[in-house]
Amino acid sequence: MLLYVLESNGSSPGRQGFCMAVAADAEMCGSIGGGIMEHKFVEMAKARLADGMDMEPVHKQIHDKAAGKHQSGMICSGEQTIFLHRITAADLPAIRNLLASVSQHKNGSLILTENGIDFKNEIPRKDFYFQQASETAFTLIEKTGYKNKLHIIGGGHCALALSKLMSQMDFYIKVYEERDDLNTLRDNRYAHEKILLESYSELGDTIEGGNNVYVVIMTFGYRTDDIAVRALLKSSFRYLGLLGSRKKIEKLFAEYENSALDKAALARIHSPVGVQIKSKTPPEIAVSIAAEIIAEKNRF
């Protein structure tokens, strides 16, 4: 049984796109938000799998005990709409195509309707599209594969720690480095791609901008940071951060004040990068950067 959150509003614990699978032997994976609400739907799925009975495909849940109907049993406020679908042989071709696309790190379109599952290789313009025609009829289109790209400039200890942390989230990770004998680059098994450059000046022609593109500069020195900044400044990213001590950042930007570089673009750089939590070790620095990136990703 597929359980999928079609829509969510307010402080709902289950967000649009949250999903889980429940098998007839009670094995399960994923989540639609947890708590008593999820437990209720898991038990419903198990019961329907066991008895083979039909069920309503769409269930609205309101997380407020004052609600007249559709109470979820939770009091966190907000609401979510959940789709329950028994997987059949008719769904298998779409599922196989979806798995093949995801395994190749490609984007595509997962299409859910009250009739079941479909998949197309076309990439939708938005991460999610949802339209509900009636209480039971709807169309949900989700952009599958990684929805965000993270480019880490520099392959040192902080890059390794950041790659490890961000690999748990919805980011396709690329790490760029000039040094081909760097042990931390060699040991980085979390990045999807590791790219060796002759010079960081190549970055401007290598990395495309975009509203789902995040870039963090953390090279091994002041001058290489400067080369990377200058190469990337002509592109527009959702997030551009620069790692370094406050003193180094101040010196670098003082030089930029007397340059012809775009001052508005410079002002958009997050520097020093990350949420200021007095981080010292690479894992702590990674946490501070990840927190700032997530805050930017979820800002809209």
Protein backbone atom coordinates (compact mmCIF):
# COMPACT_ATOMS: atom_id res chain seq x y z
CA MET A 1 0.00 0.00 0.00
CA LEU A 2 1.27 3.45 -0.94
CA LEU A 3 0.51 6.29 1.49
CA TYR A 4 1.28 9.72 0.04
CA VAL A 5 0.69 13.28 1.30
CA LEU A 6 -0.94 15.10 -1.61
CA GLU A 7 -1.25 18.47 0.08
CA SER A 8 -0.42 20.06 3.43
CA ASN A 9 -1.14 23.39 5.09
CA GLY A 10 -0.14 25.12 8.31
CA SER A 11 1.85 23.21 10.92
CA SER A 12 1.04 19.79 9.57
CA PRO A 13 3.80 17.27 10.43
CA GLY A 14 3.34 15.57 7.08
CA ARG A 15 4.44 17.76 4.16
CA GLN A 16 3.51 17.48 0.50
CA GLY A 17 5.48 14.62 -1.03
CA PHE A 18 5.97 12.70 2.24
CA CYS A 19 5.22 9.06 1.52
CA MET A 20 5.54 5.56 2.88
CA ALA A 21 4.91 1.98 1.84
CA VAL A 22 3.20 -0.65 3.97
CA ALA A 23 3.49 -4.31 2.96
CA ALA A 24 1.11 -7.17 3.68
CA ASP A 25 3.64 -8.68 6.12
CA ALA A 26 3.62 -5.35 8.08
CA GLU A 27 7.05 -4.26 6.81
CA MET A 28 7.12 -0.53 6.11
CA CYS A 29 9.37 2.35 5.14
CA GLY A 30 9.03 6.10 4.86
CA SER A 31 6.72 8.43 6.78
CA ILE A 32 3.65 10.61 6.29
CA GLY A 33 4.34 12.68 9.40
CA GLY A 34 4.44 10.30 12.34
CA GLY A 35 2.39 10.30 15.54
CA ILE A 36 -1.04 8.86 16.13
CA MET A 37 -2.22 9.98 12.70
CA GLU A 38 0.42 7.90 10.89
CA HIS A 39 -0.24 4.94 13.19
CA LYS A 40 -3.94 5.10 12.32
CA PHE A 41 -3.28 5.05 8.59
CA VAL A 42 -0.70 2.28 8.84
CA GLU A 43 -3.21 0.12 10.69
CA MET A 44 -5.86 0.97 8.07
CA ALA A 45 -3.49 -0.02 5.29
CA LYS A 46 -2.60 -3.30 6.97
CA ALA A 47 -6.28 -4.11 7.51
CA ARG A 48 -7.21 -3.39 3.90
CA LEU A 49 -4.29 -5.45 2.64
CA ALA A 50 -5.41 -8.33 4.83
CA ASP A 51 -9.13 -8.29 4.02
CA GLY A 52 -8.91 -7.11 0.40
CA MET A 53 -11.73 -4.63 0.88
CA ASP A 54 -12.01 -1.41 -1.11
CA MET A 55 -11.38 1.92 0.57
CA GLU A 56 -11.65 5.61 -0.06
CA PRO A 57 -8.47 6.76 -1.84
CA VAL A 58 -8.32 10.33 -0.45
CA HIS A 59 -8.41 11.22 3.25
CA LYS A 60 -8.29 14.74 4.64
CA GLN A 61 -6.80 15.07 8.12
CA ILE A 62 -7.18 18.16 10.34
CA HIS A 63 -4.80 18.37 13.29
CA ASP A 64 -7.23 20.10 15.64
CA LYS A 65 -9.59 18.40 18.09
CA ALA A 66 -12.06 21.26 17.60
CA ALA A 67 -12.58 20.30 13.96
CA GLY A 68 -16.05 19.05 13.20
CA LYS A 69 -14.78 16.14 11.07
CA HIS A 70 -11.60 14.68 9.63
CA GLN A 71 -9.86 14.92 13.03
CA SER A 72 -6.43 13.28 12.94
CA GLY A 73 -6.09 12.94 16.72
CA MET A 74 -3.16 15.38 16.75
CA ILE A 75 -3.26 18.95 18.07
CA CYS A 76 -0.36 20.53 16.17
CA SER A 77 -2.79 22.47 13.92
CA GLY A 78 -2.66 22.48 10.15
CA GLU A 79 -4.02 19.81 7.85
CA GLN A 80 -2.95 17.31 5.22
CA THR A 81 -4.57 15.25 2.49
CA ILE A 82 -3.44 11.63 2.22
CA PHE A 83 -3.75 9.24 -0.71
CA LEU A 84 -3.94 5.49 -0.05
CA HIS A 85 -3.39 3.21 -3.01
CA ARG A 86 -3.10 -0.55 -3.16
CA ILE A 87 -0.25 -1.37 -5.56
CA THR A 88 -1.35 -3.67 -8.38
CA ALA A 89 0.33 -5.29 -11.37
CA ALA A 90 -0.87 -2.37 -13.49
CA ASP A 91 1.40 -0.03 -11.50
CA LEU A 92 4.57 -2.09 -11.97
CA PRO A 93 5.76 -0.68 -15.34
CA ALA A 94 5.58 2.88 -13.98
CA ILE A 95 7.39 1.84 -10.79
CA ARG A 96 10.15 0.12 -12.76
CA ASN A 97 10.62 3.20 -14.95
CA LEU A 98 10.70 5.43 -11.88
CA LEU A 99 13.34 3.27 -10.21
CA ALA A 100 15.45 3.23 -13.36
CA SER A 101 15.31 7.03 -13.60
CA VAL A 102 16.20 7.57 -9.94
CA SER A 103 19.07 5.05 -10.08
CA GLN A 104 20.58 7.11 -12.92
CA HIS A 105 20.17 10.39 -10.96
CA LYS A 106 17.73 11.69 -13.55
CA ASN A 107 14.65 13.85 -13.07
CA GLY A 108 11.19 12.84 -14.21
CA SER A 109 7.49 13.08 -13.35
CA LEU A 110 5.67 10.85 -10.86
CA ILE A 111 1.97 11.15 -11.65
CA LEU A 112 -0.64 10.08 -9.12
CA THR A 113 -4.37 10.05 -9.72
CA GLU A 114 -7.25 8.30 -7.98
CA ASN A 115 -6.69 5.50 -10.55
CA GLY A 116 -3.08 4.77 -9.65
CA ILE A 117 0.53 5.52 -10.53
CA ASP A 118 2.20 6.68 -13.72
CA PHE A 119 5.69 7.92 -14.56
CA LYS A 120 7.10 9.97 -17.43
CA ASN A 121 10.67 11.00 -18.23
CA GLU A 122 9.62 14.61 -18.90
CA ILE A 123 10.85 17.03 -16.25
CA PRO A 124 8.05 19.19 -14.80
CA ARG A 125 8.57 22.92 -14.32
CA LYS A 126 7.64 22.79 -10.64
CA ASP A 127 8.61 20.38 -7.87
CA PHE A 128 4.93 19.69 -7.16
CA TYR A 129 1.64 20.26 -8.95
CA PHE A 130 -1.64 19.31 -7.28
CA GLN A 131 -5.20 19.80 -8.44
CA GLN A 132 -8.24 18.28 -6.76
CA ALA A 133 -11.37 18.10 -8.91
CA SER A 134 -13.56 16.48 -6.24
CA GLU A 135 -13.28 14.66 -2.92
CA THR A 136 -11.90 11.61 -4.73
CA ALA A 137 -10.61 12.88 -8.10
CA PHE A 138 -7.21 14.56 -8.27
CA THR A 139 -3.90 14.86 -10.13
CA LEU A 140 -0.55 15.09 -8.36
CA ILE A 141 2.71 15.52 -10.31
CA GLU A 142 6.01 15.38 -8.44
CA LYS A 143 9.42 16.10 -9.90
CA THR A 144 11.39 12.96 -9.11
CA GLY A 145 15.12 12.67 -8.52
CA TYR A 146 17.18 15.29 -6.73
CA LYS A 147 15.39 18.61 -6.62
CA ASN A 148 18.45 20.62 -5.53
CA LYS A 149 22.12 20.81 -6.52
CA LEU A 150 24.98 21.56 -4.14
CA HIS A 151 28.38 22.54 -5.54
CA ILE A 152 31.23 22.47 -3.01
CA ILE A 153 34.34 24.32 -4.18
CA GLY A 154 37.31 22.73 -2.48
CA GLY A 155 37.71 19.14 -1.35
CA GLY A 156 39.23 19.45 2.13
CA HIS A 157 38.08 18.34 5.58
CA CYS A 158 35.12 20.74 5.72
CA ALA A 159 33.98 19.66 2.25
CA LEU A 160 34.08 16.03 3.35
CA ALA A 161 32.03 16.81 6.48
CA LEU A 162 29.52 18.91 4.53
CA SER A 163 29.16 16.24 1.82
CA LYS A 164 28.44 13.62 4.47
CA LEU A 165 25.77 15.72 6.16
CA MET A 166 24.07 16.98 3.00
CA SER A 167 24.00 13.50 1.45
CA GLN A 168 21.13 12.72 3.82
CA MET A 169 19.00 15.42 2.17
CA ASP A 170 17.57 16.13 -1.27
CA PHE A 171 20.79 17.47 -2.85
CA TYR A 172 22.85 16.21 -5.76
CA ILE A 173 26.40 16.95 -4.58
CA LYS A 174 29.42 17.87 -6.70
CA VAL A 175 32.85 18.63 -5.23
CA TYR A 176 35.49 20.58 -7.20
CA GLU A 177 39.22 20.53 -6.46
CA GLU A 178 42.54 21.43 -8.10
CA ARG A 179 44.67 18.96 -6.13
CA ASP A 180 44.45 15.41 -7.47
CA ASP A 181 46.32 13.78 -4.58
CA LEU A 182 44.10 15.08 -1.77
CA ASN A 183 43.21 12.35 0.72
CA THR A 184 39.94 13.99 1.84
CA LEU A 185 38.78 14.13 -1.77
CA ARG A 186 39.72 10.50 -2.28
CA ASP A 187 37.86 9.52 0.92
CA ASN A 188 34.73 11.46 0.02
CA ARG A 189 32.23 8.72 -0.84
CA TYR A 190 29.25 10.99 -0.17
CA ALA A 191 29.52 13.31 -3.19
CA HIS A 192 27.83 12.10 -6.36
CA GLU A 193 30.59 13.60 -8.49
CA LYS A 194 34.18 14.72 -7.79
CA ILE A 195 35.61 17.02 -10.45
CA LEU A 196 39.28 17.93 -10.88
CA LEU A 197 40.01 21.34 -12.38
CA GLU A 198 43.14 22.89 -13.75
CA SER A 199 42.07 26.13 -12.08
CA TYR A 200 39.06 27.41 -10.16
CA SER A 201 38.78 30.04 -12.87
CA GLU A 202 37.02 27.33 -14.91
CA LEU A 203 34.05 27.33 -12.52
CA GLY A 204 32.20 30.05 -14.38
CA ASP A 205 31.93 27.82 -17.43
CA THR A 206 31.34 24.64 -15.42
CA ILE A 207 28.53 25.48 -12.99
CA GLU A 208 25.17 26.71 -14.26
CA GLY A 209 23.11 29.03 -12.11
CA GLY A 210 19.53 28.43 -11.07
CA ASN A 211 16.96 28.74 -8.33
CA ASN A 212 17.71 25.23 -7.11
CA VAL A 213 21.51 25.62 -7.17
CA TYR A 214 23.54 26.10 -3.98
CA VAL A 215 27.29 26.83 -3.94
CA VAL A 216 29.76 26.87 -1.06
CA ILE A 217 33.33 28.06 -1.59
CA MET A 218 35.85 26.49 0.81
CA THR A 219 39.17 26.23 -1.00
CA PHE A 220 42.55 25.91 0.69
CA GLY A 221 43.60 29.55 0.55
CA TYR A 222 42.78 33.22 0.27
CA ARG A 223 43.80 33.55 -3.38
CA THR A 224 41.98 30.44 -4.56
CA ASP A 225 38.85 31.66 -2.77
CA ASP A 226 39.21 34.94 -4.67
CA ILE A 227 39.57 33.15 -8.01
CA ALA A 228 36.45 31.08 -7.28
CA VAL A 229 34.39 34.13 -6.25
CA ARG A 230 35.35 36.04 -9.39
CA ALA A 231 34.56 33.04 -11.61
CA LEU A 232 31.13 32.46 -10.09
CA LEU A 233 29.95 36.01 -9.58
CA LYS A 234 28.51 36.33 -13.08
CA SER A 235 25.97 33.55 -12.42
CA SER A 236 22.89 33.69 -10.21
CA PHE A 237 22.40 31.02 -7.55
CA ARG A 238 19.84 30.35 -4.86
CA TYR A 239 22.71 30.41 -2.37
CA LEU A 240 26.38 31.34 -2.60
CA GLY A 241 28.48 31.04 0.56
CA LEU A 242 32.14 31.68 1.32
CA LEU A 243 33.95 29.95 4.18
CA GLY A 244 36.62 31.84 6.08
CA SER A 245 37.48 33.77 9.19
CA ARG A 246 35.85 37.15 9.64
CA LYS A 247 39.23 38.82 9.25
CA LYS A 248 39.92 37.07 5.94
CA ILE A 249 36.45 37.89 4.65
CA GLU A 250 36.82 41.55 5.60
CA LYS A 251 40.16 41.79 3.80
CA LEU A 252 38.81 40.10 0.68
CA PHE A 253 35.73 42.29 0.48
CA ALA A 254 37.78 45.43 1.11
CA GLU A 255 39.66 44.60 -2.09
CA TYR A 256 36.36 44.08 -3.90
CA GLU A 257 35.18 47.57 -2.90
CA ASN A 258 37.88 49.02 -5.12
CA SER A 259 37.20 46.66 -8.01
CA ALA A 260 34.78 46.64 -10.92
CA LEU A 261 32.95 43.59 -9.58
CA ASP A 262 29.16 43.71 -9.29
CA LYS A 263 28.53 45.10 -5.80
CA ALA A 264 24.95 43.84 -5.69
CA ALA A 265 26.13 40.30 -6.48
CA LEU A 266 28.84 40.55 -3.83
CA ALA A 267 26.25 41.62 -1.25
CA ARG A 268 24.32 38.40 -1.83
CA ILE A 269 27.25 36.19 -0.78
CA HIS A 270 26.78 34.57 2.61
CA SER A 271 30.07 35.35 4.30
CA PRO A 272 31.30 34.20 6.68
CA VAL A 273 29.23 31.25 5.62
CA GLY A 274 26.83 29.45 7.93
CA VAL A 275 24.76 30.10 11.02
CA GLN A 276 27.07 31.63 13.60
CA ILE A 277 27.23 28.98 16.35
CA LYS A 278 30.95 29.39 17.15
CA SER A 279 31.68 26.19 15.25
CA LYS A 280 35.29 25.02 15.28
CA THR A 281 35.57 21.45 13.97
CA PRO A 282 34.72 20.41 10.39
CA PRO A 283 31.54 18.59 11.52
CA GLU A 284 30.41 21.67 13.48
CA ILE A 285 31.17 23.92 10.50
CA ALA A 286 29.17 21.55 8.28
CA VAL A 287 26.19 21.81 10.64
CA SER A 288 26.28 25.61 10.57
CA ILE A 289 26.46 25.71 6.75
CA ALA A 290 23.77 23.06 6.31
CA ALA A 291 21.45 25.00 8.65
CA GLU A 292 21.84 28.17 6.59
CA ILE A 293 21.28 26.30 3.31
CA ILE A 294 18.15 24.60 4.66
CA ALA A 295 16.81 27.92 5.94
CA GLU A 296 17.26 29.40 2.45
CA LYS A 297 15.73 26.34 0.74
CA ASN A 298 12.64 26.48 2.93
CA ARG A 299 12.27 30.25 2.89
CA PHE A 300 9.45 30.26 0.32
